[in-house]
Each structure stands twice: as C-alpha cells, then as structure tokens.
C-alpha cells in the first residue's frame, strides 16, 4: 500500500482485541502516540495492560514517525474496543 502512495488518510479502522498497553488512557508506545490517533469505544470493557491489541493496532495504523516500523494505513484513525478473555 505504501509503495502505491496509499496512507489510510480519512479511513477509520476498528480493532477489537484483548487489551491495549495504555497508561492513564494514553498509549505507552510511540506508534500510537499522536493527537487524535485513536478513540476508545465507550461501551468496551475496561482496558488492561495486555499488549496484544497494541501490536495489532500498530500493524494496521501505527504512525509513520521514523521509528522501526509504521502501520499499513499510518494516517488512519483507530477505534479501539476490548473483549474479555
């Protein structure tokens, strides 16, 4: 997608997973750390420190910030929800 000039701009991606590594409601990982990068689905269960959801969300929409990797749709907005295991 990146090679074809696609960035995910204007796209919203929903990720439902077992947890996100959020500290005080903010991501602990830089690839999700930008203003308005994500919204938490209000009806979702309480977010925990399980990092699997962070990994999945980063692959889909992690910021292109010059770090090790960026997501396929790096200019997208992520909607995060959680399921209990």
PDB file of N, CA and C in Angstrom:
ATOM      1  N   UNK A   1       0.825  -1.188   0.000  1.00  0.00           N
ATOM      2  CA  UNK A   1       0.000   0.000   0.000  1.00  0.00           C
ATOM      3  C   UNK A   1       0.874   1.258   0.000  1.00  0.00           C
ATOM      4  N   UNK A   2       1.916   1.264   0.833  1.00  0.00           N
ATOM      5  CA  UNK A   2       2.813   2.417   0.927  1.00  0.00           C
ATOM      6  C   UNK A   2       3.483   2.697  -0.412  1.00  0.00           C
ATOM      7  N   UNK A   3       3.910   1.656  -1.097  1.00  0.00           N
ATOM      8  CA  UNK A   3       4.564   1.787  -2.390  1.00  0.00           C
ATOM      9  C   UNK A   3       3.669   2.396  -3.457  1.00  0.00           C
ATOM     10  N   UNK A   4       2.361   2.265  -3.285  1.00  0.00           N
ATOM     11  CA  UNK A   4       1.396   2.844  -4.218  1.00  0.00           C
ATOM     12  C   UNK A   4       0.919   4.223  -3.781  1.00  0.00           C
ATOM     13  N   UNK A   5       1.505   4.752  -2.712  1.00  0.00           N
ATOM     14  CA  UNK A   5       1.139   6.088  -2.246  1.00  0.00           C
ATOM     15  C   UNK A   5      -0.093   6.131  -1.361  1.00  0.00           C
ATOM     16  N   UNK A   6      -0.556   4.991  -0.887  1.00  0.00           N
ATOM     17  CA  UNK A   6      -1.729   4.941  -0.017  1.00  0.00           C
ATOM     18  C   UNK A   6      -1.294   5.120   1.429  1.00  0.00           C
ATOM     19  N   UNK A   7      -2.045   5.914   2.197  1.00  0.00           N
ATOM     20  CA  UNK A   7      -1.643   6.204   3.575  1.00  0.00           C
ATOM     21  C   UNK A   7      -2.730   5.893   4.605  1.00  0.00           C
ATOM     22  N   UNK A   8      -3.950   5.686   4.176  1.00  0.00           N
ATOM     23  CA  UNK A   8      -5.055   5.477   5.109  1.00  0.00           C
ATOM     24  C   UNK A   8      -5.727   6.770   5.532  1.00  0.00           C
ATOM     25  N   UNK A   9      -5.355   7.893   4.942  1.00  0.00           N
ATOM     26  CA  UNK A   9      -5.947   9.183   5.300  1.00  0.00           C
ATOM     27  C   UNK A   9      -7.462   9.141   5.108  1.00  0.00           C
ATOM     28  N   UNK A  10      -8.197   9.581   6.131  1.00  0.00           N
ATOM     29  CA  UNK A  10      -9.647   9.621   6.075  1.00  0.00           C
ATOM     30  C   UNK A  10     -10.323   8.298   6.382  1.00  0.00           C
ATOM     31  N   UNK A  11      -9.559   7.273   6.713  1.00  0.00           N
ATOM     32  CA  UNK A  11     -10.096   5.943   6.991  1.00  0.00           C
ATOM     33  C   UNK A  11     -10.119   5.702   8.496  1.00  0.00           C
ATOM     34  N   UNK A  12     -11.188   5.071   8.981  1.00  0.00           N
ATOM     35  CA  UNK A  12     -11.273   4.650  10.388  1.00  0.00           C
ATOM     36  C   UNK A  12     -11.189   3.133  10.434  1.00  0.00           C
ATOM     37  N   UNK A  13     -10.326   2.622  11.308  1.00  0.00           N
ATOM     38  CA  UNK A  13     -10.134   1.183  11.459  1.00  0.00           C
ATOM     39  C   UNK A  13     -10.566   0.785  12.861  1.00  0.00           C
ATOM     40  N   UNK A  14     -11.453  -0.194  12.963  1.00  0.00           N
ATOM     41  CA  UNK A  14     -11.880  -0.705  14.257  1.00  0.00           C
ATOM     42  C   UNK A  14     -11.058  -1.922  14.641  1.00  0.00           C
ATOM     43  N   UNK A  15     -10.509  -1.910  15.845  1.00  0.00           N
ATOM     44  CA  UNK A  15      -9.734  -3.042  16.353  1.00  0.00           C
ATOM     45  C   UNK A  15     -10.373  -3.485  17.665  1.00  0.00           C
ATOM     46  N   UNK A  16     -10.843  -4.712  17.714  1.00  0.00           N
ATOM     47  CA  UNK A  16     -11.389  -5.299  18.934  1.00  0.00           C
ATOM     48  C   UNK A  16     -10.412  -6.386  19.357  1.00  0.00           C
ATOM     49  N   UNK A  17      -9.850  -6.262  20.538  1.00  0.00           N
ATOM     50  CA  UNK A  17      -8.821  -7.204  20.972  1.00  0.00           C
ATOM     51  C   UNK A  17      -8.884  -7.378  22.482  1.00  0.00           C
ATOM     52  N   UNK A  18      -7.912  -8.117  23.028  1.00  0.00           N
ATOM     53  CA  UNK A  18      -7.915  -8.456  24.444  1.00  0.00           C
ATOM     54  C   UNK A  18      -7.302  -7.404  25.341  1.00  0.00           C
ATOM     55  N   UNK A  19      -6.654  -6.393  24.805  1.00  0.00           N
ATOM     56  CA  UNK A  19      -6.081  -5.365  25.664  1.00  0.00           C
ATOM     57  C   UNK A  19      -5.114  -4.465  24.923  1.00  0.00           C
ATOM     58  N   UNK A  20      -4.902  -3.295  25.482  1.00  0.00           N
ATOM     59  CA  UNK A  20      -4.014  -2.299  24.897  1.00  0.00           C
ATOM     60  C   UNK A  20      -3.118  -1.768  26.002  1.00  0.00           C
ATOM     61  N   UNK A  21      -1.890  -1.567  25.689  1.00  0.00           N
ATOM     62  CA  UNK A  21      -0.941  -1.083  26.681  1.00  0.00           C
ATOM     63  C   UNK A  21      -1.100   0.427  26.831  1.00  0.00           C
ATOM     64  N   UNK A  22      -2.169   0.823  27.528  1.00  0.00           N
ATOM     65  CA  UNK A  22      -2.446   2.233  27.764  1.00  0.00           C
ATOM     66  C   UNK A  22      -2.125   2.560  29.212  1.00  0.00           C
ATOM     67  N   UNK A  23      -1.512   3.705  29.413  1.00  0.00           N
ATOM     68  CA  UNK A  23      -1.193   4.173  30.757  1.00  0.00           C
ATOM     69  C   UNK A  23      -1.924   5.493  30.951  1.00  0.00           C
ATOM     70  N   UNK A  24      -2.864   5.528  31.875  1.00  0.00           N
ATOM     71  CA  UNK A  24      -3.655   6.733  32.080  1.00  0.00           C
ATOM     72  C   UNK A  24      -4.475   7.119  30.862  1.00  0.00           C
ATOM     73  N   UNK A  25      -4.912   6.114  30.091  1.00  0.00           N
ATOM     74  CA  UNK A  25      -5.715   6.375  28.904  1.00  0.00           C
ATOM     75  C   UNK A  25      -4.922   6.792  27.683  1.00  0.00           C
ATOM     76  N   UNK A  26      -3.597   6.812  27.803  1.00  0.00           N
ATOM     77  CA  UNK A  26      -2.733   7.187  26.682  1.00  0.00           C
ATOM     78  C   UNK A  26      -1.833   6.014  26.306  1.00  0.00           C
ATOM     79  N   UNK A  27      -1.480   5.885  25.034  1.00  0.00           N
ATOM     80  CA  UNK A  27      -0.650   4.759  24.619  1.00  0.00           C
ATOM     81  C   UNK A  27       0.760   4.852  25.189  1.00  0.00           C
ATOM     82  N   UNK A  28       1.293   3.710  25.568  1.00  0.00           N
ATOM     83  CA  UNK A  28       2.662   3.641  26.068  1.00  0.00           C
ATOM     84  C   UNK A  28       3.654   3.420  24.930  1.00  0.00           C
ATOM     85  N   UNK A  29       3.169   3.316  23.718  1.00  0.00           N
ATOM     86  CA  UNK A  29       4.022   3.074  22.552  1.00  0.00           C
ATOM     87  C   UNK A  29       3.920   4.253  21.594  1.00  0.00           C
ATOM     88  N   UNK A  30       5.057   4.704  21.077  1.00  0.00           N
ATOM     89  CA  UNK A  30       5.093   5.901  20.241  1.00  0.00           C
ATOM     90  C   UNK A  30       4.322   5.759  18.938  1.00  0.00           C
ATOM     91  N   UNK A  31       4.158   4.557  18.416  1.00  0.00           N
ATOM     92  CA  UNK A  31       3.475   4.411  17.131  1.00  0.00           C
ATOM     93  C   UNK A  31       1.990   4.732  17.201  1.00  0.00           C
ATOM     94  N   UNK A  32       1.449   4.817  18.404  1.00  0.00           N
ATOM     95  CA  UNK A  32       0.048   5.216  18.565  1.00  0.00           C
ATOM     96  C   UNK A  32      -0.065   6.562  19.270  1.00  0.00           C
ATOM     97  N   UNK A  33       1.041   7.239  19.472  1.00  0.00           N
ATOM     98  CA  UNK A  33       1.088   8.438  20.306  1.00  0.00           C
ATOM     99  C   UNK A  33       1.076   9.720  19.470  1.00  0.00           C
ATOM    100  N   UNK A  34      -0.070  10.053  18.929  1.00  0.00           N
ATOM    101  CA  UNK A  34      -0.232  11.337  18.255  1.00  0.00           C
ATOM    102  C   UNK A  34      -1.656  11.822  18.521  1.00  0.00           C
ATOM    103  N   UNK A  35      -1.860  13.125  18.456  1.00  0.00           N
ATOM    104  CA  UNK A  35      -3.206  13.662  18.732  1.00  0.00           C
ATOM    105  C   UNK A  35      -4.251  13.057  17.791  1.00  0.00           C
ATOM    106  N   UNK A  36      -5.361  12.663  18.356  1.00  0.00           N
ATOM    107  CA  UNK A  36      -6.495  12.137  17.588  1.00  0.00           C
ATOM    108  C   UNK A  36      -6.188  10.855  16.819  1.00  0.00           C
ATOM    109  N   UNK A  37      -5.159  10.110  17.221  1.00  0.00           N
ATOM    110  CA  UNK A  37      -4.835   8.863  16.523  1.00  0.00           C
ATOM    111  C   UNK A  37      -5.859   7.780  16.806  1.00  0.00           C
ATOM    112  N   UNK A  38      -6.397   7.751  18.023  1.00  0.00           N
ATOM    113  CA  UNK A  38      -7.331   6.689  18.345  1.00  0.00           C
ATOM    114  C   UNK A  38      -8.463   7.193  19.221  1.00  0.00           C
ATOM    115  N   UNK A  39      -9.557   6.466  19.185  1.00  0.00           N
ATOM    116  CA  UNK A  39     -10.700   6.698  20.063  1.00  0.00           C
ATOM    117  C   UNK A  39     -11.023   5.383  20.734  1.00  0.00           C
ATOM    118  N   UNK A  40     -11.370   5.425  21.999  1.00  0.00           N
ATOM    119  CA  UNK A  40     -11.753   4.221  22.714  1.00  0.00           C
ATOM    120  C   UNK A  40     -13.268   4.079  22.627  1.00  0.00           C
ATOM    121  N   UNK A  41     -13.725   2.904  22.234  1.00  0.00           N
ATOM    122  CA  UNK A  41     -15.156   2.639  22.158  1.00  0.00           C
ATOM    123  C   UNK A  41     -15.701   2.652  23.575  1.00  0.00           C
ATOM    124  N   UNK A  42     -16.621   3.569  23.856  1.00  0.00           N
ATOM    125  CA  UNK A  42     -17.098   3.795  25.223  1.00  0.00           C
ATOM    126  C   UNK A  42     -17.741   2.571  25.863  1.00  0.00           C
ATOM    127  N   UNK A  43     -18.394   1.740  25.088  1.00  0.00           N
ATOM    128  CA  UNK A  43     -19.082   0.594  25.669  1.00  0.00           C
ATOM    129  C   UNK A  43     -18.164  -0.612  25.859  1.00  0.00           C
ATOM    130  N   UNK A  44     -16.887  -0.445  25.534  1.00  0.00           N
ATOM    131  CA  UNK A  44     -15.939  -1.551  25.667  1.00  0.00           C
ATOM    132  C   UNK A  44     -15.630  -1.815  27.131  1.00  0.00           C
ATOM    133  N   UNK A  45     -15.162  -3.022  27.389  1.00  0.00           N
ATOM    134  CA  UNK A  45     -14.718  -3.366  28.739  1.00  0.00           C
ATOM    135  C   UNK A  45     -13.504  -2.516  29.109  1.00  0.00           C
ATOM    136  N   UNK A  46     -13.171  -2.474  30.388  1.00  0.00           N
ATOM    137  CA  UNK A  46     -12.029  -1.688  30.844  1.00  0.00           C
ATOM    138  C   UNK A  46     -10.753  -2.181  30.170  1.00  0.00           C
ATOM    139  N   UNK A  47      -9.923  -1.254  29.743  1.00  0.00           N
ATOM    140  CA  UNK A  47      -8.679  -1.600  29.064  1.00  0.00           C
ATOM    141  C   UNK A  47      -7.644  -2.053  30.080  1.00  0.00           C
ATOM    142  N   UNK A  48      -6.860  -3.043  29.691  1.00  0.00           N
ATOM    143  CA  UNK A  48      -5.834  -3.587  30.567  1.00  0.00           C
ATOM    144  C   UNK A  48      -4.454  -3.349  29.966  1.00  0.00           C
ATOM    145  N   UNK A  49      -3.428  -3.907  30.606  1.00  0.00           N
ATOM    146  CA  UNK A  49      -2.064  -3.707  30.123  1.00  0.00           C
ATOM    147  C   UNK A  49      -1.611  -4.797  29.159  1.00  0.00           C
ATOM    148  N   UNK A  50      -2.485  -5.709  28.773  1.00  0.00           N
ATOM    149  CA  UNK A  50      -2.148  -6.707  27.766  1.00  0.00           C
ATOM    150  C   UNK A  50      -1.784  -5.969  26.481  1.00  0.00           C
ATOM    151  N   UNK A  51      -0.649  -6.271  25.904  1.00  0.00           N
ATOM    152  CA  UNK A  51      -0.166  -5.500  24.759  1.00  0.00           C
ATOM    153  C   UNK A  51      -0.556  -6.086  23.405  1.00  0.00           C
ATOM    154  N   UNK A  52      -1.317  -7.179  23.349  1.00  0.00           N
ATOM    155  CA  UNK A  52      -1.651  -7.777  22.059  1.00  0.00           C
ATOM    156  C   UNK A  52      -2.431  -6.819  21.172  1.00  0.00           C
ATOM    157  N   UNK A  53      -3.405  -6.119  21.727  1.00  0.00           N
ATOM    158  CA  UNK A  53      -4.178  -5.157  20.949  1.00  0.00           C
ATOM    159  C   UNK A  53      -3.316  -4.024  20.421  1.00  0.00           C
ATOM    160  N   UNK A  54      -2.348  -3.598  21.205  1.00  0.00           N
ATOM    161  CA  UNK A  54      -1.415  -2.560  20.759  1.00  0.00           C
ATOM    162  C   UNK A  54      -0.640  -3.037  19.543  1.00  0.00           C
ATOM    163  N   UNK A  55      -0.191  -4.266  19.577  1.00  0.00           N
ATOM    164  CA  UNK A  55       0.552  -4.839  18.452  1.00  0.00           C
ATOM    165  C   UNK A  55      -0.309  -4.860  17.183  1.00  0.00           C
ATOM    166  N   UNK A  56      -1.531  -5.352  17.313  1.00  0.00           N
ATOM    167  CA  UNK A  56      -2.433  -5.441  16.164  1.00  0.00           C
ATOM    168  C   UNK A  56      -2.774  -4.048  15.628  1.00  0.00           C
ATOM    169  N   UNK A  57      -3.108  -3.113  16.531  1.00  0.00           N
ATOM    170  CA  UNK A  57      -3.446  -1.754  16.114  1.00  0.00           C
ATOM    171  C   UNK A  57      -2.263  -1.064  15.439  1.00  0.00           C
ATOM    172  N   UNK A  58      -1.061  -1.326  15.917  1.00  0.00           N
ATOM    173  CA  UNK A  58       0.136  -0.723  15.322  1.00  0.00           C
ATOM    174  C   UNK A  58       0.393  -1.241  13.919  1.00  0.00           C
ATOM    175  N   UNK A  59       0.149  -2.527  13.688  1.00  0.00           N
ATOM    176  CA  UNK A  59       0.307  -3.080  12.338  1.00  0.00           C
ATOM    177  C   UNK A  59      -0.673  -2.429  11.373  1.00  0.00           C
ATOM    178  N   UNK A  60      -1.885  -2.172  11.843  1.00  0.00           N
ATOM    179  CA  UNK A  60      -2.910  -1.580  10.983  1.00  0.00           C
ATOM    180  C   UNK A  60      -2.695  -0.090  10.772  1.00  0.00           C
ATOM    181  N   UNK A  61      -2.460   0.655  11.862  1.00  0.00           N
ATOM    182  CA  UNK A  61      -2.460   2.106  11.738  1.00  0.00           C
ATOM    183  C   UNK A  61      -1.396   2.836  12.522  1.00  0.00           C
ATOM    184  N   UNK A  62      -0.289   2.181  12.839  1.00  0.00           N
ATOM    185  CA  UNK A  62       0.784   2.843  13.583  1.00  0.00           C
ATOM    186  C   UNK A  62       1.351   4.036  12.835  1.00  0.00           C
ATOM    187  N   UNK A  63       1.732   5.071  13.560  1.00  0.00           N
ATOM    188  CA  UNK A  63       2.259   6.308  12.974  1.00  0.00           C
ATOM    189  C   UNK A  63       3.517   6.080  12.146  1.00  0.00           C
ATOM    190  N   UNK A  64       3.657   6.815  11.089  1.00  0.00           N
ATOM    191  CA  UNK A  64       4.895   6.843  10.303  1.00  0.00           C
ATOM    192  C   UNK A  64       5.742   7.969  10.887  1.00  0.00           C
ATOM    193  N   UNK A  65       6.526   7.626  11.893  1.00  0.00           N
ATOM    194  CA  UNK A  65       7.273   8.641  12.638  1.00  0.00           C
ATOM    195  C   UNK A  65       8.782   8.436  12.580  1.00  0.00           C
ATOM    196  N   UNK A  66       9.246   7.599  11.669  1.00  0.00           N
ATOM    197  CA  UNK A  66      10.679   7.378  11.530  1.00  0.00           C
ATOM    198  C   UNK A  66      11.232   6.330  12.476  1.00  0.00           C
ATOM    199  N   UNK A  67      10.362   5.703  13.283  1.00  0.00           N
ATOM    200  CA  UNK A  67      10.842   4.647  14.166  1.00  0.00           C
ATOM    201  C   UNK A  67      10.949   3.345  13.366  1.00  0.00           C
ATOM    202  N   UNK A  68      11.054   2.257  14.034  1.00  0.00           N
ATOM    203  CA  UNK A  68      11.337   0.970  13.401  1.00  0.00           C
ATOM    204  C   UNK A  68      10.319   0.595  12.329  1.00  0.00           C
ATOM    205  N   UNK A  69       9.040   0.798  12.582  1.00  0.00           N
ATOM    206  CA  UNK A  69       8.007   0.398  11.626  1.00  0.00           C
ATOM    207  C   UNK A  69       6.845   1.378  11.646  1.00  0.00           C
ATOM    208  N   UNK A  70       5.997   1.294  10.645  1.00  0.00           N
ATOM    209  CA  UNK A  70       4.734   2.023  10.663  1.00  0.00           C
ATOM    210  C   UNK A  70       3.646   1.114  10.133  1.00  0.00           C
ATOM    211  N   UNK A  71       2.402   1.467  10.455  1.00  0.00           N
ATOM    212  CA  UNK A  71       1.275   0.645  10.048  1.00  0.00           C
ATOM    213  C   UNK A  71       0.973   0.764   8.564  1.00  0.00           C
ATOM    214  N   UNK A  72       0.223  -0.185   8.052  1.00  0.00           N
ATOM    215  CA  UNK A  72      -0.166  -0.183   6.646  1.00  0.00           C
ATOM    216  C   UNK A  72      -0.954   1.086   6.315  1.00  0.00           C
ATOM    217  N   UNK A  73      -1.880   1.478   7.173  1.00  0.00           N
ATOM    218  CA  UNK A  73      -2.689   2.689   6.975  1.00  0.00           C
ATOM    219  C   UNK A  73      -2.295   3.705   8.057  1.00  0.00           C
ATOM    220  N   UNK A  74      -1.075   4.209   7.978  1.00  0.00           N
ATOM    221  CA  UNK A  74      -0.489   5.025   9.052  1.00  0.00           C
ATOM    222  C   UNK A  74      -1.188   6.362   9.272  1.00  0.00           C
ATOM    223  N   UNK A  75      -1.931   6.863   8.334  1.00  0.00           N
ATOM    224  CA  UNK A  75      -2.666   8.121   8.526  1.00  0.00           C
ATOM    225  C   UNK A  75      -4.131   7.898   8.895  1.00  0.00           C
ATOM    226  N   UNK A  76      -4.487   6.685   9.251  1.00  0.00           N
ATOM    227  CA  UNK A  76      -5.864   6.375   9.618  1.00  0.00           C
ATOM    228  C   UNK A  76      -6.138   6.747  11.074  1.00  0.00           C
ATOM    229  N   UNK A  77      -7.404   6.672  11.444  1.00  0.00           N
ATOM    230  CA  UNK A  77      -7.819   6.834  12.842  1.00  0.00           C
ATOM    231  C   UNK A  77      -8.247   5.459  13.341  1.00  0.00           C
ATOM    232  N   UNK A  78      -7.811   5.109  14.542  1.00  0.00           N
ATOM    233  CA  UNK A  78      -8.133   3.809  15.113  1.00  0.00           C
ATOM    234  C   UNK A  78      -9.263   3.927  16.128  1.00  0.00           C
ATOM    235  N   UNK A  79     -10.206   3.000  16.083  1.00  0.00           N
ATOM    236  CA  UNK A  79     -11.269   2.884  17.082  1.00  0.00           C
ATOM    237  C   UNK A  79     -10.987   1.603  17.853  1.00  0.00           C
ATOM    238  N   UNK A  80     -10.653   1.732  19.115  1.00  0.00           N
ATOM    239  CA  UNK A  80     -10.223   0.584  19.899  1.00  0.00           C
ATOM    240  C   UNK A  80     -11.334   0.100  20.828  1.00  0.00           C
ATOM    241  N   UNK A  81     -11.574  -1.186  20.818  1.00  0.00           N
ATOM    242  CA  UNK A  81     -12.508  -1.823  21.714  1.00  0.00           C
ATOM    243  C   UNK A  81     -11.863  -3.047  22.313  1.00  0.00           C
ATOM    244  N   UNK A  82     -12.368  -3.524  23.426  1.00  0.00           N
ATOM    245  CA  UNK A  82     -11.760  -4.659  24.082  1.00  0.00           C
ATOM    246  C   UNK A  82     -12.781  -5.742  24.398  1.00  0.00           C
ATOM    247  N   UNK A  83     -12.360  -6.978  24.275  1.00  0.00           N
ATOM    248  CA  UNK A  83     -13.179  -8.109  24.676  1.00  0.00           C
ATOM    249  C   UNK A  83     -12.500  -8.788  25.860  1.00  0.00           C
ATOM    250  N   UNK A  84     -13.290  -9.385  26.709  1.00  0.00           N
ATOM    251  CA  UNK A  84     -12.733 -10.112  27.844  1.00  0.00           C
ATOM    252  C   UNK A  84     -12.401 -11.526  27.398  1.00  0.00           C
ATOM    253  N   UNK A  85     -11.305 -12.056  27.952  1.00  0.00           N
ATOM    254  CA  UNK A  85     -10.900 -13.412  27.591  1.00  0.00           C
ATOM    255  C   UNK A  85     -11.418 -14.411  28.585  1.00  0.00           C
TER     256      UNK A  85
END
